[in-house]
N, C-alpha and C. Protein backbone atom coordinates (compact mmCIF):
# COMPACT_ATOMS: atom_id res chain seq x y z
N UNK A 1 115.58 96.79 89.60
CA UNK A 1 114.80 96.73 88.40
C UNK A 1 115.69 96.33 87.22
N UNK A 2 116.92 96.70 87.23
CA UNK A 2 117.85 96.39 86.18
C UNK A 2 117.95 94.86 85.96
N UNK A 3 117.99 94.09 87.06
CA UNK A 3 118.12 92.69 86.98
C UNK A 3 116.79 92.01 86.55
N UNK A 4 115.68 92.66 86.58
CA UNK A 4 114.39 92.13 86.27
C UNK A 4 113.56 93.04 85.36
N UNK A 5 114.02 93.29 84.18
CA UNK A 5 113.32 94.27 83.32
C UNK A 5 111.88 93.89 82.95
N UNK A 6 111.55 92.64 83.08
CA UNK A 6 110.18 92.23 82.73
C UNK A 6 109.12 92.84 83.67
N UNK A 7 109.60 93.31 84.85
CA UNK A 7 108.66 93.87 85.83
C UNK A 7 108.51 95.38 85.64
N UNK A 8 109.25 96.01 84.76
CA UNK A 8 109.22 97.49 84.60
C UNK A 8 107.85 97.99 84.20
N UNK A 9 106.99 97.25 83.52
CA UNK A 9 105.75 97.76 83.08
C UNK A 9 104.63 97.48 84.17
N UNK A 10 104.97 96.75 85.25
CA UNK A 10 103.97 96.54 86.32
C UNK A 10 103.78 97.80 87.11
N UNK A 11 102.52 98.03 87.60
CA UNK A 11 102.30 99.18 88.47
C UNK A 11 103.02 98.94 89.83
N UNK A 12 103.59 100.01 90.35
CA UNK A 12 104.33 99.92 91.61
C UNK A 12 103.63 100.73 92.70
N UNK A 13 103.34 100.03 93.78
CA UNK A 13 102.81 100.70 94.99
C UNK A 13 103.81 100.46 96.11
N UNK A 14 104.15 101.55 96.86
CA UNK A 14 105.04 101.37 98.02
C UNK A 14 104.17 101.35 99.22
N UNK A 15 104.39 100.32 100.04
CA UNK A 15 103.47 100.15 101.20
C UNK A 15 104.16 100.20 102.54
N UNK A 16 103.34 100.48 103.55
CA UNK A 16 103.88 100.47 104.93
C UNK A 16 102.73 100.37 105.90
N UNK A 17 103.07 99.97 107.09
CA UNK A 17 102.06 99.87 108.20
C UNK A 17 102.51 100.61 109.42
N UNK A 18 101.58 100.96 110.25
CA UNK A 18 101.80 101.53 111.55
C UNK A 18 102.64 102.82 111.48
N UNK A 19 103.80 102.87 112.11
CA UNK A 19 104.69 104.02 112.16
C UNK A 19 105.07 104.46 110.76
N UNK A 20 105.09 103.56 109.81
CA UNK A 20 105.53 103.88 108.42
C UNK A 20 104.56 104.81 107.74
N UNK A 21 103.38 105.04 108.37
CA UNK A 21 102.44 106.01 107.86
C UNK A 21 103.00 107.42 107.81
N UNK A 22 104.04 107.66 108.64
CA UNK A 22 104.69 108.94 108.64
C UNK A 22 105.76 109.02 107.55
N UNK A 23 106.34 107.86 107.18
CA UNK A 23 107.48 107.89 106.31
C UNK A 23 107.15 107.44 104.84
N UNK A 24 106.26 106.48 104.71
CA UNK A 24 105.94 105.95 103.36
C UNK A 24 105.67 106.98 102.31
N UNK A 25 104.78 107.98 102.64
CA UNK A 25 104.50 109.02 101.59
C UNK A 25 105.72 109.81 101.17
N UNK A 26 106.64 110.07 102.10
CA UNK A 26 107.89 110.78 101.75
C UNK A 26 108.78 109.90 100.91
N UNK A 27 108.93 108.70 101.29
CA UNK A 27 109.76 107.76 100.45
C UNK A 27 109.27 107.62 99.05
N UNK A 28 107.87 107.43 98.97
CA UNK A 28 107.23 107.28 97.65
C UNK A 28 107.57 108.55 96.76
N UNK A 29 107.42 109.71 97.36
CA UNK A 29 107.68 110.94 96.58
C UNK A 29 109.14 110.99 96.16
N UNK A 30 110.06 110.65 97.04
CA UNK A 30 111.50 110.69 96.68
C UNK A 30 111.80 109.69 95.54
N UNK A 31 111.23 108.51 95.57
CA UNK A 31 111.46 107.56 94.49
C UNK A 31 110.84 108.07 93.18
N UNK A 32 109.66 108.62 93.26
CA UNK A 32 108.97 109.19 92.16
C UNK A 32 109.81 110.32 91.49
N UNK A 33 110.33 111.20 92.33
CA UNK A 33 111.17 112.30 91.82
C UNK A 33 112.47 111.84 91.29
N UNK A 34 113.09 110.85 91.89
CA UNK A 34 114.37 110.34 91.50
C UNK A 34 114.33 109.68 90.11
N UNK A 35 113.21 109.04 89.78
CA UNK A 35 113.15 108.38 88.48
C UNK A 35 113.22 109.36 87.35
N UNK A 36 112.85 110.60 87.55
CA UNK A 36 112.95 111.60 86.50
C UNK A 36 114.23 112.43 86.54
N UNK A 37 114.88 112.46 87.73
CA UNK A 37 116.10 113.24 87.88
C UNK A 37 117.32 112.60 87.35
N UNK A 38 117.33 111.24 87.45
CA UNK A 38 118.52 110.49 87.08
C UNK A 38 118.19 109.61 85.85
N UNK A 39 118.90 109.86 84.79
CA UNK A 39 118.64 109.15 83.51
C UNK A 39 118.96 107.65 83.67
N UNK A 40 119.78 107.28 84.64
CA UNK A 40 120.14 105.85 84.80
C UNK A 40 119.01 105.00 85.43
N UNK A 41 118.06 105.69 86.07
CA UNK A 41 116.98 104.99 86.69
C UNK A 41 115.85 104.84 85.68
N UNK A 42 115.40 103.62 85.39
CA UNK A 42 114.34 103.37 84.54
C UNK A 42 113.00 103.83 85.16
N UNK A 43 112.07 104.15 84.32
CA UNK A 43 110.74 104.46 84.82
C UNK A 43 110.17 103.27 85.47
N UNK A 44 109.66 103.46 86.76
CA UNK A 44 109.20 102.33 87.53
C UNK A 44 107.65 102.25 87.65
N UNK A 45 106.94 103.09 86.99
CA UNK A 45 105.47 102.99 87.03
C UNK A 45 104.84 103.18 88.40
N UNK A 46 105.32 104.09 89.18
CA UNK A 46 104.71 104.31 90.46
C UNK A 46 103.33 104.80 90.40
N UNK A 47 102.41 104.09 91.05
CA UNK A 47 100.98 104.48 91.06
C UNK A 47 100.58 105.18 92.35
N UNK A 48 101.33 104.92 93.42
CA UNK A 48 100.98 105.52 94.68
C UNK A 48 101.54 104.73 95.87
N UNK A 49 100.93 104.95 96.98
CA UNK A 49 101.34 104.19 98.19
C UNK A 49 100.13 103.55 98.87
N UNK A 50 100.41 102.54 99.67
CA UNK A 50 99.36 101.87 100.47
C UNK A 50 99.75 101.87 101.91
N UNK A 51 98.83 102.25 102.73
CA UNK A 51 99.11 102.27 104.18
C UNK A 51 98.07 101.41 104.96
N UNK A 52 98.55 100.64 105.87
CA UNK A 52 97.69 99.78 106.71
C UNK A 52 97.79 100.26 108.15
N UNK A 53 96.71 100.61 108.70
CA UNK A 53 96.61 101.10 110.12
C UNK A 53 97.76 102.14 110.36
N UNK A 54 97.80 103.18 109.60
CA UNK A 54 98.96 104.09 109.70
C UNK A 54 98.91 105.06 110.87
N UNK A 55 100.11 105.36 111.36
CA UNK A 55 100.28 106.51 112.27
C UNK A 55 100.43 107.70 111.38
N UNK A 56 99.59 108.75 111.57
CA UNK A 56 99.67 109.92 110.67
C UNK A 56 100.03 111.14 111.43
N UNK A 57 99.54 111.27 112.61
CA UNK A 57 99.82 112.39 113.49
C UNK A 57 99.97 111.89 114.94
N UNK A 58 101.15 111.88 115.46
CA UNK A 58 101.41 111.28 116.75
C UNK A 58 100.48 111.78 117.84
N UNK A 59 100.29 113.10 117.94
CA UNK A 59 99.44 113.60 119.04
C UNK A 59 98.01 113.18 118.83
N UNK A 60 97.45 113.34 117.63
CA UNK A 60 96.05 112.97 117.43
C UNK A 60 95.81 111.46 117.60
N UNK A 61 96.76 110.66 117.05
CA UNK A 61 96.56 109.23 117.11
C UNK A 61 96.58 108.74 118.58
N UNK A 62 97.56 109.23 119.34
CA UNK A 62 97.62 108.74 120.75
C UNK A 62 96.53 109.46 121.61
N UNK A 63 96.24 110.71 121.29
CA UNK A 63 95.24 111.41 122.12
C UNK A 63 93.85 110.81 121.93
N UNK A 64 93.59 110.14 120.79
CA UNK A 64 92.27 109.62 120.54
C UNK A 64 92.03 108.27 121.22
N UNK A 65 93.01 107.71 121.80
CA UNK A 65 92.96 106.36 122.43
C UNK A 65 91.97 106.37 123.62
N UNK A 66 91.93 107.43 124.37
CA UNK A 66 91.02 107.50 125.50
C UNK A 66 89.56 107.37 125.02
N UNK A 67 89.22 108.18 124.04
CA UNK A 67 87.83 108.12 123.53
C UNK A 67 87.56 106.80 122.88
N UNK A 68 88.46 106.24 122.17
CA UNK A 68 88.33 104.89 121.62
C UNK A 68 88.06 103.86 122.67
N UNK A 69 88.83 103.93 123.73
CA UNK A 69 88.66 102.96 124.82
C UNK A 69 87.31 103.08 125.47
N UNK A 70 86.83 104.29 125.58
CA UNK A 70 85.49 104.51 126.15
C UNK A 70 84.40 104.00 125.18
N UNK A 71 84.55 104.30 123.93
CA UNK A 71 83.50 103.84 122.91
C UNK A 71 83.49 102.32 122.80
N UNK A 72 84.61 101.68 123.07
CA UNK A 72 84.66 100.18 122.99
C UNK A 72 84.34 99.55 124.34
N UNK A 73 83.90 100.39 125.30
CA UNK A 73 83.55 99.94 126.62
C UNK A 73 84.78 99.24 127.33
N UNK A 74 85.96 99.75 127.10
CA UNK A 74 87.13 99.25 127.76
C UNK A 74 87.37 99.96 129.05
N UNK A 75 86.88 101.20 129.13
CA UNK A 75 86.96 101.96 130.41
C UNK A 75 85.56 102.44 130.82
N UNK A 76 85.40 102.73 132.03
CA UNK A 76 84.11 103.15 132.56
C UNK A 76 83.77 104.63 132.20
N UNK A 77 82.48 104.91 132.32
CA UNK A 77 82.08 106.32 132.08
C UNK A 77 82.77 107.24 133.13
N UNK A 78 82.94 106.77 134.30
CA UNK A 78 83.56 107.55 135.41
C UNK A 78 85.00 107.96 135.01
N UNK A 79 85.78 107.00 134.56
CA UNK A 79 87.17 107.27 134.17
C UNK A 79 87.16 108.25 132.99
N UNK A 80 86.37 107.98 132.00
CA UNK A 80 86.29 108.81 130.77
C UNK A 80 85.90 110.25 131.14
N UNK A 81 84.86 110.44 131.89
CA UNK A 81 84.32 111.73 132.22
C UNK A 81 85.31 112.50 133.10
N UNK A 82 85.99 111.76 133.98
CA UNK A 82 86.99 112.40 134.79
C UNK A 82 88.12 113.00 134.00
N UNK A 83 88.59 112.19 133.06
CA UNK A 83 89.69 112.67 132.13
C UNK A 83 89.20 113.84 131.28
N UNK A 84 87.99 113.76 130.77
CA UNK A 84 87.41 114.87 129.94
C UNK A 84 87.42 116.13 130.76
N UNK A 85 86.87 116.01 132.01
CA UNK A 85 86.70 117.19 132.85
C UNK A 85 88.04 117.78 133.27
N UNK A 86 89.01 116.95 133.63
CA UNK A 86 90.27 117.51 134.24
C UNK A 86 91.39 117.73 133.23
N UNK A 87 91.41 117.08 132.14
CA UNK A 87 92.56 117.15 131.21
C UNK A 87 92.41 118.11 130.03
N UNK A 88 91.23 118.63 129.86
CA UNK A 88 90.93 119.65 128.83
C UNK A 88 91.33 119.16 127.46
N UNK A 89 91.05 117.87 127.11
CA UNK A 89 91.28 117.37 125.78
C UNK A 89 92.69 116.99 125.46
N UNK A 90 93.58 117.06 126.41
CA UNK A 90 94.97 116.67 126.12
C UNK A 90 95.33 115.51 127.02
N UNK A 91 95.40 114.29 126.45
CA UNK A 91 95.68 113.11 127.20
C UNK A 91 97.07 112.59 126.92
N UNK A 92 97.90 113.33 126.21
CA UNK A 92 99.25 112.87 125.79
C UNK A 92 100.26 113.65 126.57
N UNK A 93 100.20 114.99 126.40
CA UNK A 93 101.21 115.89 127.09
C UNK A 93 100.52 116.31 128.44
N UNK A 94 100.73 115.53 129.43
CA UNK A 94 100.08 115.79 130.71
C UNK A 94 100.71 116.96 131.43
N UNK A 95 99.85 117.86 131.88
CA UNK A 95 100.31 119.07 132.64
C UNK A 95 100.57 118.54 134.06
N UNK A 96 101.87 118.61 134.47
CA UNK A 96 102.25 118.07 135.77
C UNK A 96 101.69 118.95 136.91
N UNK A 97 101.27 120.12 136.63
CA UNK A 97 100.68 121.02 137.64
C UNK A 97 99.20 120.74 137.78
N UNK A 98 98.70 119.71 137.07
CA UNK A 98 97.29 119.40 137.16
C UNK A 98 97.15 117.93 137.75
N UNK A 99 97.16 117.84 139.05
CA UNK A 99 97.13 116.44 139.64
C UNK A 99 95.84 115.73 139.36
N UNK A 100 94.77 116.45 139.13
CA UNK A 100 93.46 115.74 138.86
C UNK A 100 93.50 115.04 137.52
N UNK A 101 94.15 115.72 136.51
CA UNK A 101 94.32 115.09 135.21
C UNK A 101 95.28 113.85 135.33
N UNK A 102 96.37 114.07 136.04
CA UNK A 102 97.28 112.93 136.16
C UNK A 102 96.66 111.76 136.85
N UNK A 103 95.86 112.01 137.82
CA UNK A 103 95.10 110.90 138.52
C UNK A 103 94.14 110.25 137.56
N UNK A 104 93.41 111.00 136.78
CA UNK A 104 92.46 110.44 135.84
C UNK A 104 93.14 109.54 134.84
N UNK A 105 94.26 110.03 134.36
CA UNK A 105 94.93 109.23 133.31
C UNK A 105 95.62 108.01 133.90
N UNK A 106 96.06 108.11 135.17
CA UNK A 106 96.61 106.96 135.84
C UNK A 106 95.58 105.90 135.99
N UNK A 107 94.35 106.27 136.35
CA UNK A 107 93.23 105.24 136.41
C UNK A 107 92.98 104.65 135.05
N UNK A 108 93.01 105.45 134.03
CA UNK A 108 92.87 104.97 132.63
C UNK A 108 93.93 103.98 132.26
N UNK A 109 95.22 104.34 132.58
CA UNK A 109 96.29 103.38 132.22
C UNK A 109 96.23 102.06 132.98
N UNK A 110 95.78 102.12 134.21
CA UNK A 110 95.64 100.91 135.00
C UNK A 110 94.67 99.95 134.37
N UNK A 111 93.63 100.49 133.81
CA UNK A 111 92.59 99.65 133.19
C UNK A 111 92.97 99.19 131.80
N UNK A 112 93.60 100.10 131.07
CA UNK A 112 93.82 99.86 129.62
C UNK A 112 95.05 98.96 129.31
N UNK A 113 95.92 98.77 130.31
CA UNK A 113 97.14 98.02 130.03
C UNK A 113 96.89 96.54 130.05
């Protein structure tokens, strides 16, 4: 910003996509806090952050893929209902002691890849 002072009055949004959904809010807050902590940093007019298709919670984001695949007709009712019945809502952290769940998710992965 020092090299381009004409941009200091412009609103600033920090953006990120996909995995950056986990990091962009933290980076934005650090930049926002730093502009007040250090007198050498000019005010940058931070307005917020913008996220495109963000990852926000790894478990929920990945766990929802089975339902999404079913709703988009990418997997059959049989595969979906088998996973629902045997995996008890957890399609990410597979219980190795539950072979029926593992088999259901193997069928899902064969179709969805």
